[in-house]
Amino acid sequence: MNWLEEYQKDAAPIPLNILCRFCQSGRDYWLITCLNKFVVNFVEILEEKHINNMQHYFTFLASLYGNLIENRGATIDDQLISRLIPFIGISLKSKVEAFKYFGIIISCTLAVNVSINDEIAKNILKLLFYNIEIPFAEITFQTANVICERLELSKLPKKSILHLINDFDLFQLSDLLLKLMSKYEMVAFLSLFWRILIQQIISEKTSVDSKNFFTEFLITLLDLHRLSDKQAEAAFDLFLDFIEENKKEIEGEENQKSKKIFPKILRKQIKSMIVRFPNSFDLIRKRRNKLIIQKLMEECKVSNLIVGN
């Protein structure tokens, strides 16, 4: 610890870049381990009200760890990742506000700066949605959107999302998501969230009551007055994906002409969306398979007169 002596003599603060350089020396990151243990210990020992008055410690940690991630060079060291991820997990599961916000900030910093693999990303998302509470709900969904967008995820952790939907007050959850949709472009997260709802709606394993529940929830989120053009386009893409995925199954059935993929109330909503967002549907028609487009239009009773040639 000789490097500390010059600062100790003058009782001078240690610049953040010096701390970062020392953390990276030798690539063992022992200082990170010490800081993590210190924080975990005092979070366990002290009462929450005292910890929330110590936000400067978490601000310091967020600055230090954020700088280490942002100034990592071409690649991030596996040693650093192995020390950060478990600590982020502990912070995201914590009920201590300052500690939880620290975990959210570092999760975003990782997603923006590092190409972490899908497994780590999904684990972070699971922890984000673990026992989510109202005060953290808005920033949690914003963080999830950043992770989905930056890492180009193709799936959300399905069990975690279904658990979230079942545990949350549905009106509260739909109001929150609609509010976020109107304020931010949430397509990256929403399209994956909607996919899970549609899967539940069309699955033969889902009970009738559950199908109705998920259908009503999805229609609430596809509010014609709240959707943006980009969100509508993402929704059209999803519906076409499910048409395409179920095309072979439909073609193999004798009553294929009468076979419908989506429930009637959802088909009516899709038709209303096509009328409400013609430009978004036109963009979809230019790049998707014409037969699949036609199948969706037939299913939702949308004539060529409505969409044009």
C-alpha atoms as a PDB file:
ATOM      1  CA  MET A   1       0.000   0.000   0.000  1.00  0.00           C
ATOM      2  CA  ASN A   2       3.054   2.318  -0.482  1.00  0.00           C
ATOM      3  CA  TRP A   3       1.178   4.215  -3.145  1.00  0.00           C
ATOM      4  CA  LEU A   4      -1.094   5.635  -0.414  1.00  0.00           C
ATOM      5  CA  GLU A   5       1.715   7.265   1.557  1.00  0.00           C
ATOM      6  CA  GLU A   6       1.958  10.449  -0.504  1.00  0.00           C
ATOM      7  CA  TYR A   7      -1.776  11.062  -0.076  1.00  0.00           C
ATOM      8  CA  GLN A   8      -1.662  10.137   3.602  1.00  0.00           C
ATOM      9  CA  LYS A   9       1.115  12.650   4.323  1.00  0.00           C
ATOM     10  CA  ASP A  10      -0.820  15.566   2.885  1.00  0.00           C
ATOM     11  CA  ALA A  11      -4.227  14.219   3.972  1.00  0.00           C
ATOM     12  CA  ALA A  12      -5.171  14.668   0.322  1.00  0.00           C
ATOM     13  CA  PRO A  13      -8.083  12.984  -1.472  1.00  0.00           C
ATOM     14  CA  ILE A  14      -7.168  10.192  -3.875  1.00  0.00           C
ATOM     15  CA  PRO A  15      -8.166  11.044  -7.460  1.00  0.00           C
ATOM     16  CA  LEU A  16     -10.610   8.578  -9.003  1.00  0.00           C
ATOM     17  CA  ASN A  17      -8.316   7.833 -11.945  1.00  0.00           C
ATOM     18  CA  ILE A  18      -5.557   6.793  -9.497  1.00  0.00           C
ATOM     19  CA  LEU A  19      -7.949   4.462  -7.703  1.00  0.00           C
ATOM     20  CA  CYS A  20      -9.041   2.971 -11.029  1.00  0.00           C
ATOM     21  CA  ARG A  21      -5.429   2.464 -12.087  1.00  0.00           C
ATOM     22  CA  PHE A  22      -4.628   0.745  -8.794  1.00  0.00           C
ATOM     23  CA  CYS A  23      -7.721  -1.484  -9.052  1.00  0.00           C
ATOM     24  CA  GLN A  24      -6.582  -2.612 -12.496  1.00  0.00           C
ATOM     25  CA  SER A  25      -2.938  -3.215 -11.565  1.00  0.00           C
ATOM     26  CA  GLY A  26      -2.162  -6.916 -11.630  1.00  0.00           C
ATOM     27  CA  ARG A  27      -5.721  -7.598 -12.807  1.00  0.00           C
ATOM     28  CA  ASP A  28      -6.657  -9.170  -9.468  1.00  0.00           C
ATOM     29  CA  TYR A  29      -9.088  -6.424  -8.408  1.00  0.00           C
ATOM     30  CA  TRP A  30      -8.634  -7.226  -4.719  1.00  0.00           C
ATOM     31  CA  LEU A  31      -9.731  -3.702  -3.777  1.00  0.00           C
ATOM     32  CA  ILE A  32     -13.090  -4.351  -5.496  1.00  0.00           C
ATOM     33  CA  THR A  33     -13.496  -7.520  -3.423  1.00  0.00           C
ATOM     34  CA  CYS A  34     -12.725  -5.616  -0.202  1.00  0.00           C
ATOM     35  CA  LEU A  35     -15.185  -2.834  -1.024  1.00  0.00           C
ATOM     36  CA  ASN A  36     -17.895  -5.354  -1.921  1.00  0.00           C
ATOM     37  CA  LYS A  37     -17.456  -7.212   1.382  1.00  0.00           C
ATOM     38  CA  PHE A  38     -17.472  -3.947   3.336  1.00  0.00           C
ATOM     39  CA  VAL A  39     -20.748  -2.816   1.752  1.00  0.00           C
ATOM     40  CA  VAL A  40     -22.468  -6.200   2.177  1.00  0.00           C
ATOM     41  CA  ASN A  41     -21.466  -6.234   5.862  1.00  0.00           C
ATOM     42  CA  PHE A  42     -22.725  -2.768   6.708  1.00  0.00           C
ATOM     43  CA  VAL A  43     -25.967  -3.337   4.762  1.00  0.00           C
ATOM     44  CA  GLU A  44     -26.580  -6.437   6.903  1.00  0.00           C
ATOM     45  CA  ILE A  45     -25.654  -4.758  10.206  1.00  0.00           C
ATOM     46  CA  LEU A  46     -27.132  -1.257   9.971  1.00  0.00           C
ATOM     47  CA  GLU A  47     -30.779  -0.262   9.842  1.00  0.00           C
ATOM     48  CA  GLU A  48     -32.163   0.817   6.475  1.00  0.00           C
ATOM     49  CA  LYS A  49     -32.758   4.442   7.532  1.00  0.00           C
ATOM     50  CA  HIS A  50     -29.059   4.806   8.467  1.00  0.00           C
ATOM     51  CA  ILE A  51     -27.894   3.219   5.214  1.00  0.00           C
ATOM     52  CA  ASN A  52     -30.054   5.555   3.126  1.00  0.00           C
ATOM     53  CA  ASN A  53     -28.294   8.473   4.834  1.00  0.00           C
ATOM     54  CA  MET A  54     -24.961   7.136   3.534  1.00  0.00           C
ATOM     55  CA  GLN A  55     -25.677   7.613  -0.148  1.00  0.00           C
ATOM     56  CA  HIS A  56     -22.258   9.189  -0.708  1.00  0.00           C
ATOM     57  CA  TYR A  57     -20.713   5.714  -0.268  1.00  0.00           C
ATOM     58  CA  PHE A  58     -22.896   4.283  -3.024  1.00  0.00           C
ATOM     59  CA  THR A  59     -22.238   7.331  -5.209  1.00  0.00           C
ATOM     60  CA  PHE A  60     -18.512   6.718  -4.760  1.00  0.00           C
ATOM     61  CA  LEU A  61     -18.884   3.025  -5.626  1.00  0.00           C
ATOM     62  CA  ALA A  62     -21.013   3.800  -8.691  1.00  0.00           C
ATOM     63  CA  SER A  63     -18.385   6.314  -9.893  1.00  0.00           C
ATOM     64  CA  LEU A  64     -15.486   3.925  -9.286  1.00  0.00           C
ATOM     65  CA  TYR A  65     -17.093   0.842 -10.813  1.00  0.00           C
ATOM     66  CA  GLY A  66     -18.591   2.884 -13.651  1.00  0.00           C
ATOM     67  CA  ASN A  67     -15.155   4.270 -14.528  1.00  0.00           C
ATOM     68  CA  LEU A  68     -13.616   0.801 -14.431  1.00  0.00           C
ATOM     69  CA  ILE A  69     -16.244  -0.445 -16.881  1.00  0.00           C
ATOM     70  CA  GLU A  70     -16.158   2.584 -19.198  1.00  0.00           C
ATOM     71  CA  ASN A  71     -12.345   2.802 -19.347  1.00  0.00           C
ATOM     72  CA  ARG A  72     -11.699  -0.909 -19.645  1.00  0.00           C
ATOM     73  CA  GLY A  73      -9.939  -0.752 -23.033  1.00  0.00           C
ATOM     74  CA  ALA A  74     -10.891  -2.990 -25.935  1.00  0.00           C
ATOM     75  CA  THR A  75     -12.225  -5.807 -23.744  1.00  0.00           C
ATOM     76  CA  ILE A  76     -13.417  -6.174 -20.190  1.00  0.00           C
ATOM     77  CA  ASP A  77     -11.467  -8.418 -17.865  1.00  0.00           C
ATOM     78  CA  ASP A  78     -13.269 -11.611 -16.810  1.00  0.00           C
ATOM     79  CA  GLN A  79     -11.844 -11.073 -13.325  1.00  0.00           C
ATOM     80  CA  LEU A  80     -13.666  -7.749 -13.073  1.00  0.00           C
ATOM     81  CA  ILE A  81     -16.929  -9.254 -14.360  1.00  0.00           C
ATOM     82  CA  SER A  82     -16.665 -12.131 -11.861  1.00  0.00           C
ATOM     83  CA  ARG A  83     -16.439  -9.616  -9.007  1.00  0.00           C
ATOM     84  CA  LEU A  84     -19.131  -7.258 -10.245  1.00  0.00           C
ATOM     85  CA  ILE A  85     -21.968  -9.603 -11.273  1.00  0.00           C
ATOM     86  CA  PRO A  86     -22.516 -11.328  -7.875  1.00  0.00           C
ATOM     87  CA  PHE A  87     -22.370  -7.933  -6.134  1.00  0.00           C
ATOM     88  CA  ILE A  88     -24.870  -6.464  -8.612  1.00  0.00           C
ATOM     89  CA  GLY A  89     -27.113  -9.447  -7.869  1.00  0.00           C
ATOM     90  CA  ILE A  90     -27.017  -8.756  -4.121  1.00  0.00           C
ATOM     91  CA  SER A  91     -27.760  -5.064  -4.672  1.00  0.00           C
ATOM     92  CA  LEU A  92     -30.706  -5.694  -7.034  1.00  0.00           C
ATOM     93  CA  LYS A  93     -32.317  -8.074  -4.518  1.00  0.00           C
ATOM     94  CA  SER A  94     -31.828  -5.595  -1.684  1.00  0.00           C
ATOM     95  CA  LYS A  95     -34.725  -3.601  -0.239  1.00  0.00           C
ATOM     96  CA  VAL A  96     -32.340  -0.788   0.699  1.00  0.00           C
ATOM     97  CA  GLU A  97     -33.109   2.035  -1.724  1.00  0.00           C
ATOM     98  CA  ALA A  98     -29.583   3.456  -2.120  1.00  0.00           C
ATOM     99  CA  PHE A  99     -28.048  -0.003  -2.588  1.00  0.00           C
ATOM    100  CA  LYS A 100     -30.699  -1.069  -5.104  1.00  0.00           C
ATOM    101  CA  TYR A 101     -30.239   2.108  -7.167  1.00  0.00           C
ATOM    102  CA  PHE A 102     -26.496   1.427  -7.211  1.00  0.00           C
ATOM    103  CA  GLY A 103     -27.195  -2.015  -8.731  1.00  0.00           C
ATOM    104  CA  ILE A 104     -29.510  -0.503 -11.333  1.00  0.00           C
ATOM    105  CA  ILE A 105     -26.919   2.130 -12.341  1.00  0.00           C
ATOM    106  CA  ILE A 106     -24.128  -0.430 -12.729  1.00  0.00           C
ATOM    107  CA  SER A 107     -26.434  -2.807 -14.651  1.00  0.00           C
ATOM    108  CA  CYS A 108     -27.118  -0.010 -17.155  1.00  0.00           C
ATOM    109  CA  THR A 109     -23.423   0.890 -17.349  1.00  0.00           C
ATOM    110  CA  LEU A 110     -22.543  -2.725 -18.136  1.00  0.00           C
ATOM    111  CA  ALA A 111     -25.243  -3.028 -20.803  1.00  0.00           C
ATOM    112  CA  VAL A 112     -24.193   0.215 -22.509  1.00  0.00           C
ATOM    113  CA  ASN A 113     -20.452  -0.475 -22.479  1.00  0.00           C
ATOM    114  CA  VAL A 114     -19.941  -4.233 -22.515  1.00  0.00           C
ATOM    115  CA  SER A 115     -21.137  -7.045 -24.788  1.00  0.00           C
ATOM    116  CA  ILE A 116     -22.125  -9.402 -21.983  1.00  0.00           C
ATOM    117  CA  ASN A 117     -23.617 -12.732 -23.017  1.00  0.00           C
ATOM    118  CA  ASP A 118     -27.350 -13.488 -23.078  1.00  0.00           C
ATOM    119  CA  GLU A 119     -27.180 -15.700 -19.992  1.00  0.00           C
ATOM    120  CA  ILE A 120     -25.716 -12.939 -17.812  1.00  0.00           C
ATOM    121  CA  ALA A 121     -28.163 -10.406 -19.283  1.00  0.00           C
ATOM    122  CA  LYS A 122     -31.155 -12.653 -18.520  1.00  0.00           C
ATOM    123  CA  ASN A 123     -29.913 -13.219 -14.969  1.00  0.00           C
ATOM    124  CA  ILE A 124     -29.660  -9.450 -14.471  1.00  0.00           C
ATOM    125  CA  LEU A 125     -33.222  -9.062 -15.802  1.00  0.00           C
ATOM    126  CA  LYS A 126     -34.470 -11.790 -13.450  1.00  0.00           C
ATOM    127  CA  LEU A 127     -32.919  -9.937 -10.521  1.00  0.00           C
ATOM    128  CA  LEU A 128     -34.328  -6.617 -11.723  1.00  0.00           C
ATOM    129  CA  PHE A 129     -37.844  -8.061 -11.640  1.00  0.00           C
ATOM    130  CA  TYR A 130     -37.278  -9.939  -8.376  1.00  0.00           C
ATOM    131  CA  ASN A 131     -39.915  -8.750  -5.861  1.00  0.00           C
ATOM    132  CA  ILE A 132     -40.222  -5.446  -7.715  1.00  0.00           C
ATOM    133  CA  GLU A 133     -41.840  -2.684  -5.659  1.00  0.00           C
ATOM    134  CA  ILE A 134     -43.716   0.435  -6.798  1.00  0.00           C
ATOM    135  CA  PRO A 135     -40.968   2.977  -5.902  1.00  0.00           C
ATOM    136  CA  PHE A 136     -38.509   1.102  -8.146  1.00  0.00           C
ATOM    137  CA  ALA A 137     -40.939   0.061 -10.889  1.00  0.00           C
ATOM    138  CA  GLU A 138     -40.425   2.906 -13.372  1.00  0.00           C
ATOM    139  CA  ILE A 139     -36.624   2.869 -13.296  1.00  0.00           C
ATOM    140  CA  THR A 140     -36.667  -0.950 -13.390  1.00  0.00           C
ATOM    141  CA  PHE A 141     -38.584  -1.018 -16.687  1.00  0.00           C
ATOM    142  CA  GLN A 142     -36.378   1.740 -18.125  1.00  0.00           C
ATOM    143  CA  THR A 143     -33.283  -0.257 -17.179  1.00  0.00           C
ATOM    144  CA  ALA A 144     -34.766  -3.417 -18.701  1.00  0.00           C
ATOM    145  CA  ASN A 145     -35.366  -1.516 -21.938  1.00  0.00           C
ATOM    146  CA  VAL A 146     -31.741  -0.303 -22.026  1.00  0.00           C
ATOM    147  CA  ILE A 147     -30.494  -3.865 -21.500  1.00  0.00           C
ATOM    148  CA  CYS A 148     -32.819  -5.284 -24.193  1.00  0.00           C
ATOM    149  CA  GLU A 149     -31.902  -2.555 -26.678  1.00  0.00           C
ATOM    150  CA  ARG A 150     -28.134  -2.400 -26.173  1.00  0.00           C
ATOM    151  CA  LEU A 151     -27.636  -6.170 -26.017  1.00  0.00           C
ATOM    152  CA  GLU A 152     -30.239  -6.864 -28.743  1.00  0.00           C
ATOM    153  CA  LEU A 153     -31.919  -9.586 -26.699  1.00  0.00           C
ATOM    154  CA  SER A 154     -34.438 -11.852 -28.414  1.00  0.00           C
ATOM    155  CA  LYS A 155     -36.178 -13.074 -25.244  1.00  0.00           C
ATOM    156  CA  LEU A 156     -37.092 -11.992 -21.731  1.00  0.00           C
ATOM    157  CA  PRO A 157     -36.971 -14.460 -18.811  1.00  0.00           C
ATOM    158  CA  LYS A 158     -40.520 -15.787 -19.233  1.00  0.00           C
ATOM    159  CA  LYS A 159     -41.061 -17.125 -15.704  1.00  0.00           C
ATOM    160  CA  SER A 160     -39.935 -13.836 -14.167  1.00  0.00           C
ATOM    161  CA  ILE A 161     -42.297 -11.828 -16.390  1.00  0.00           C
ATOM    162  CA  LEU A 162     -45.288 -14.099 -15.681  1.00  0.00           C
ATOM    163  CA  HIS A 163     -44.492 -13.950 -11.971  1.00  0.00           C
ATOM    164  CA  LEU A 164     -44.364 -10.156 -12.213  1.00  0.00           C
ATOM    165  CA  ILE A 165     -47.746 -10.008 -13.996  1.00  0.00           C
ATOM    166  CA  ASN A 166     -49.383 -12.334 -11.467  1.00  0.00           C
ATOM    167  CA  ASP A 167     -47.957 -10.513  -8.440  1.00  0.00           C
ATOM    168  CA  PHE A 168     -48.609  -6.946  -9.557  1.00  0.00           C
ATOM    169  CA  ASP A 169     -51.938  -5.163  -9.468  1.00  0.00           C
ATOM    170  CA  LEU A 170     -52.882  -5.344 -13.148  1.00  0.00           C
ATOM    171  CA  PHE A 171     -54.366  -1.848 -13.371  1.00  0.00           C
ATOM    172  CA  GLN A 172     -51.289  -0.423 -11.686  1.00  0.00           C
ATOM    173  CA  LEU A 173     -48.942  -2.324 -14.003  1.00  0.00           C
ATOM    174  CA  SER A 174     -50.805  -1.374 -17.186  1.00  0.00           C
ATOM    175  CA  ASP A 175     -50.984   2.291 -16.101  1.00  0.00           C
ATOM    176  CA  LEU A 176     -47.255   2.292 -15.399  1.00  0.00           C
ATOM    177  CA  LEU A 177     -46.354   0.732 -18.755  1.00  0.00           C
ATOM    178  CA  LEU A 178     -48.695   3.056 -20.666  1.00  0.00           C
ATOM    179  CA  LYS A 179     -47.141   6.030 -18.898  1.00  0.00           C
ATOM    180  CA  LEU A 180     -43.644   4.848 -19.845  1.00  0.00           C
ATOM    181  CA  MET A 181     -44.743   4.160 -23.438  1.00  0.00           C
ATOM    182  CA  SER A 182     -45.961   7.731 -23.808  1.00  0.00           C
ATOM    183  CA  LYS A 183     -42.768   9.208 -22.302  1.00  0.00           C
ATOM    184  CA  TYR A 184     -40.047   6.970 -23.758  1.00  0.00           C
ATOM    185  CA  GLU A 185     -39.453   4.760 -26.778  1.00  0.00           C
ATOM    186  CA  MET A 186     -39.710   1.358 -25.107  1.00  0.00           C
ATOM    187  CA  VAL A 187     -39.875  -0.840 -28.214  1.00  0.00           C
ATOM    188  CA  ALA A 188     -36.912  -3.060 -27.304  1.00  0.00           C
ATOM    189  CA  PHE A 189     -38.525  -4.176 -24.051  1.00  0.00           C
ATOM    190  CA  LEU A 190     -42.178  -3.954 -25.087  1.00  0.00           C
ATOM    191  CA  SER A 191     -41.853  -6.192 -28.136  1.00  0.00           C
ATOM    192  CA  LEU A 192     -40.352  -8.973 -25.970  1.00  0.00           C
ATOM    193  CA  PHE A 193     -42.935  -8.374 -23.236  1.00  0.00           C
ATOM    194  CA  TRP A 194     -45.802  -8.502 -25.758  1.00  0.00           C
ATOM    195  CA  ARG A 195     -44.351 -11.703 -27.224  1.00  0.00           C
ATOM    196  CA  ILE A 196     -44.773 -13.469 -23.881  1.00  0.00           C
ATOM    197  CA  LEU A 197     -48.383 -12.272 -23.618  1.00  0.00           C
ATOM    198  CA  ILE A 198     -49.197 -13.477 -27.148  1.00  0.00           C
ATOM    199  CA  GLN A 199     -47.543 -16.842 -26.448  1.00  0.00           C
ATOM    200  CA  GLN A 200     -49.834 -17.282 -23.458  1.00  0.00           C
ATOM    201  CA  ILE A 201     -52.877 -16.202 -25.468  1.00  0.00           C
ATOM    202  CA  ILE A 202     -52.400 -18.685 -28.323  1.00  0.00           C
ATOM    203  CA  SER A 203     -50.986 -21.590 -26.298  1.00  0.00           C
ATOM    204  CA  GLU A 204     -53.273 -24.622 -26.029  1.00  0.00           C
ATOM    205  CA  LYS A 205     -51.900 -25.195 -22.519  1.00  0.00           C
ATOM    206  CA  THR A 206     -53.315 -21.890 -21.257  1.00  0.00           C
ATOM    207  CA  SER A 207     -56.719 -22.059 -19.569  1.00  0.00           C
ATOM    208  CA  VAL A 208     -59.635 -20.078 -21.022  1.00  0.00           C
ATOM    209  CA  ASP A 209     -59.679 -17.691 -18.062  1.00  0.00           C
ATOM    210  CA  SER A 210     -55.950 -17.072 -18.380  1.00  0.00           C
ATOM    211  CA  LYS A 211     -56.268 -16.527 -22.139  1.00  0.00           C
ATOM    212  CA  ASN A 212     -58.924 -13.885 -21.487  1.00  0.00           C
ATOM    213  CA  PHE A 213     -56.772 -12.297 -18.798  1.00  0.00           C
ATOM    214  CA  PHE A 214     -53.696 -12.017 -21.040  1.00  0.00           C
ATOM    215  CA  THR A 215     -55.776 -10.872 -24.016  1.00  0.00           C
ATOM    216  CA  GLU A 216     -57.360  -8.029 -22.058  1.00  0.00           C
ATOM    217  CA  PHE A 217     -53.978  -7.019 -20.673  1.00  0.00           C
ATOM    218  CA  LEU A 218     -52.383  -6.991 -24.139  1.00  0.00           C
ATOM    219  CA  ILE A 219     -55.241  -4.955 -25.641  1.00  0.00           C
ATOM    220  CA  THR A 220     -54.911  -2.450 -22.796  1.00  0.00           C
ATOM    221  CA  LEU A 221     -51.222  -2.018 -23.645  1.00  0.00           C
ATOM    222  CA  LEU A 222     -51.995  -1.675 -27.364  1.00  0.00           C
ATOM    223  CA  ASP A 223     -53.882   1.540 -26.641  1.00  0.00           C
ATOM    224  CA  LEU A 224     -54.494   3.293 -29.972  1.00  0.00           C
ATOM    225  CA  HIS A 225     -54.002   6.701 -28.359  1.00  0.00           C
ATOM    226  CA  ARG A 226     -50.743   5.801 -26.573  1.00  0.00           C
ATOM    227  CA  LEU A 227     -48.913   3.714 -29.174  1.00  0.00           C
ATOM    228  CA  SER A 228     -46.242   5.385 -31.272  1.00  0.00           C
ATOM    229  CA  ASP A 229     -45.722   4.509 -34.949  1.00  0.00           C
ATOM    230  CA  LYS A 230     -42.583   2.578 -34.021  1.00  0.00           C
ATOM    231  CA  GLN A 231     -44.374   0.623 -31.297  1.00  0.00           C
ATOM    232  CA  ALA A 232     -47.232  -0.197 -33.684  1.00  0.00           C
ATOM    233  CA  GLU A 233     -44.724  -1.429 -36.266  1.00  0.00           C
ATOM    234  CA  ALA A 234     -43.109  -3.686 -33.646  1.00  0.00           C
ATOM    235  CA  ALA A 235     -46.539  -5.069 -32.707  1.00  0.00           C
ATOM    236  CA  PHE A 236     -47.386  -5.810 -36.368  1.00  0.00           C
ATOM    237  CA  ASP A 237     -44.071  -7.615 -36.704  1.00  0.00           C
ATOM    238  CA  LEU A 238     -44.935  -9.766 -33.694  1.00  0.00           C
ATOM    239  CA  PHE A 239     -48.366 -10.732 -34.998  1.00  0.00           C
ATOM    240  CA  LEU A 240     -46.840 -11.683 -38.348  1.00  0.00           C
ATOM    241  CA  ASP A 241     -44.161 -13.744 -36.585  1.00  0.00           C
ATOM    242  CA  PHE A 242     -46.868 -15.796 -34.881  1.00  0.00           C
ATOM    243  CA  ILE A 243     -48.796 -16.175 -38.157  1.00  0.00           C
ATOM    244  CA  GLU A 244     -45.595 -17.445 -39.774  1.00  0.00           C
ATOM    245  CA  GLU A 245     -44.714 -19.763 -36.877  1.00  0.00           C
ATOM    246  CA  ASN A 246     -48.185 -21.331 -36.966  1.00  0.00           C
ATOM    247  CA  LYS A 247     -48.510 -21.423 -40.775  1.00  0.00           C
ATOM    248  CA  LYS A 248     -47.458 -25.076 -41.192  1.00  0.00           C
ATOM    249  CA  GLU A 249     -49.759 -26.212 -38.400  1.00  0.00           C
ATOM    250  CA  ILE A 250     -52.698 -24.377 -39.986  1.00  0.00           C
ATOM    251  CA  GLU A 251     -51.954 -25.711 -43.476  1.00  0.00           C
ATOM    252  CA  GLY A 252     -51.950 -29.273 -42.135  1.00  0.00           C
ATOM    253  CA  GLU A 253     -55.501 -29.030 -40.830  1.00  0.00           C
ATOM    254  CA  GLU A 254     -58.610 -29.774 -42.869  1.00  0.00           C
ATOM    255  CA  ASN A 255     -60.449 -26.693 -41.619  1.00  0.00           C
ATOM    256  CA  GLN A 256     -57.495 -24.421 -42.247  1.00  0.00           C
ATOM    257  CA  LYS A 257     -59.652 -21.676 -43.776  1.00  0.00           C
ATOM    258  CA  SER A 258     -61.646 -21.274 -40.578  1.00  0.00           C
ATOM    259  CA  LYS A 259     -58.662 -21.767 -38.263  1.00  0.00           C
ATOM    260  CA  LYS A 260     -57.796 -18.557 -36.432  1.00  0.00           C
ATOM    261  CA  ILE A 261     -54.623 -17.920 -34.485  1.00  0.00           C
ATOM    262  CA  PHE A 262     -55.757 -14.941 -32.432  1.00  0.00           C
ATOM    263  CA  PRO A 263     -58.989 -14.595 -30.405  1.00  0.00           C
ATOM    264  CA  LYS A 264     -61.769 -12.489 -31.891  1.00  0.00           C
ATOM    265  CA  ILE A 265     -61.343  -9.506 -29.568  1.00  0.00           C
ATOM    266  CA  LEU A 266     -57.626  -9.330 -30.394  1.00  0.00           C
ATOM    267  CA  ARG A 267     -58.312  -9.600 -34.137  1.00  0.00           C
ATOM    268  CA  LYS A 268     -60.598  -6.569 -33.837  1.00  0.00           C
ATOM    269  CA  GLN A 269     -57.834  -4.673 -32.044  1.00  0.00           C
ATOM    270  CA  ILE A 270     -55.288  -5.565 -34.743  1.00  0.00           C
ATOM    271  CA  LYS A 271     -57.693  -4.327 -37.419  1.00  0.00           C
ATOM    272  CA  SER A 272     -58.147  -1.048 -35.526  1.00  0.00           C
ATOM    273  CA  MET A 273     -54.368  -0.711 -35.287  1.00  0.00           C
ATOM    274  CA  ILE A 274     -53.966  -1.221 -39.035  1.00  0.00           C
ATOM    275  CA  VAL A 275     -56.510   1.543 -39.672  1.00  0.00           C
ATOM    276  CA  ARG A 276     -54.959   3.816 -37.027  1.00  0.00           C
ATOM    277  CA  PHE A 277     -51.324   3.275 -38.108  1.00  0.00           C
ATOM    278  CA  PRO A 278     -51.371   2.886 -41.924  1.00  0.00           C
ATOM    279  CA  ASN A 279     -47.793   4.136 -42.353  1.00  0.00           C
ATOM    280  CA  SER A 280     -46.440   1.575 -39.898  1.00  0.00           C
ATOM    281  CA  PHE A 281     -48.358  -1.207 -41.635  1.00  0.00           C
ATOM    282  CA  ASP A 282     -47.092  -0.020 -45.037  1.00  0.00           C
ATOM    283  CA  LEU A 283     -43.503  -0.296 -43.794  1.00  0.00           C
ATOM    284  CA  ILE A 284     -44.222  -3.850 -42.661  1.00  0.00           C
ATOM    285  CA  ARG A 285     -45.824  -4.775 -45.999  1.00  0.00           C
ATOM    286  CA  LYS A 286     -42.704  -3.672 -47.869  1.00  0.00           C
ATOM    287  CA  ARG A 287     -40.376  -6.027 -46.010  1.00  0.00           C
ATOM    288  CA  ARG A 288     -42.466  -9.019 -44.902  1.00  0.00           C
ATOM    289  CA  ASN A 289     -43.715 -12.034 -46.857  1.00  0.00           C
ATOM    290  CA  LYS A 290     -46.832 -11.105 -48.864  1.00  0.00           C
ATOM    291  CA  LEU A 291     -48.597 -14.398 -48.127  1.00  0.00           C
ATOM    292  CA  ILE A 292     -48.121 -13.917 -44.389  1.00  0.00           C
ATOM    293  CA  ILE A 293     -49.377 -10.334 -44.661  1.00  0.00           C
ATOM    294  CA  GLN A 294     -52.428 -11.574 -46.562  1.00  0.00           C
ATOM    295  CA  LYS A 295     -53.097 -14.252 -43.935  1.00  0.00           C
ATOM    296  CA  LEU A 296     -53.082 -11.618 -41.161  1.00  0.00           C
ATOM    297  CA  MET A 297     -55.397  -9.369 -43.176  1.00  0.00           C
ATOM    298  CA  GLU A 298     -57.801 -12.251 -43.833  1.00  0.00           C
ATOM    299  CA  GLU A 299     -57.778 -13.276 -40.188  1.00  0.00           C
ATOM    300  CA  CYS A 300     -58.550  -9.726 -39.059  1.00  0.00           C
ATOM    301  CA  LYS A 301     -60.997  -9.041 -41.942  1.00  0.00           C
ATOM    302  CA  VAL A 302     -58.920  -6.199 -43.337  1.00  0.00           C
ATOM    303  CA  SER A 303     -59.682  -5.560 -47.006  1.00  0.00           C
ATOM    304  CA  ASN A 304     -57.242  -4.250 -49.593  1.00  0.00           C
ATOM    305  CA  LEU A 305     -59.444  -1.161 -49.818  1.00  0.00           C
ATOM    306  CA  ILE A 306     -58.459  -0.269 -46.247  1.00  0.00           C
ATOM    307  CA  VAL A 307     -54.702  -0.633 -46.718  1.00  0.00           C
ATOM    308  CA  GLY A 308     -54.468   0.271 -50.409  1.00  0.00           C
ATOM    309  CA  ASN A 309     -52.667  -1.661 -53.111  1.00  0.00           C
END
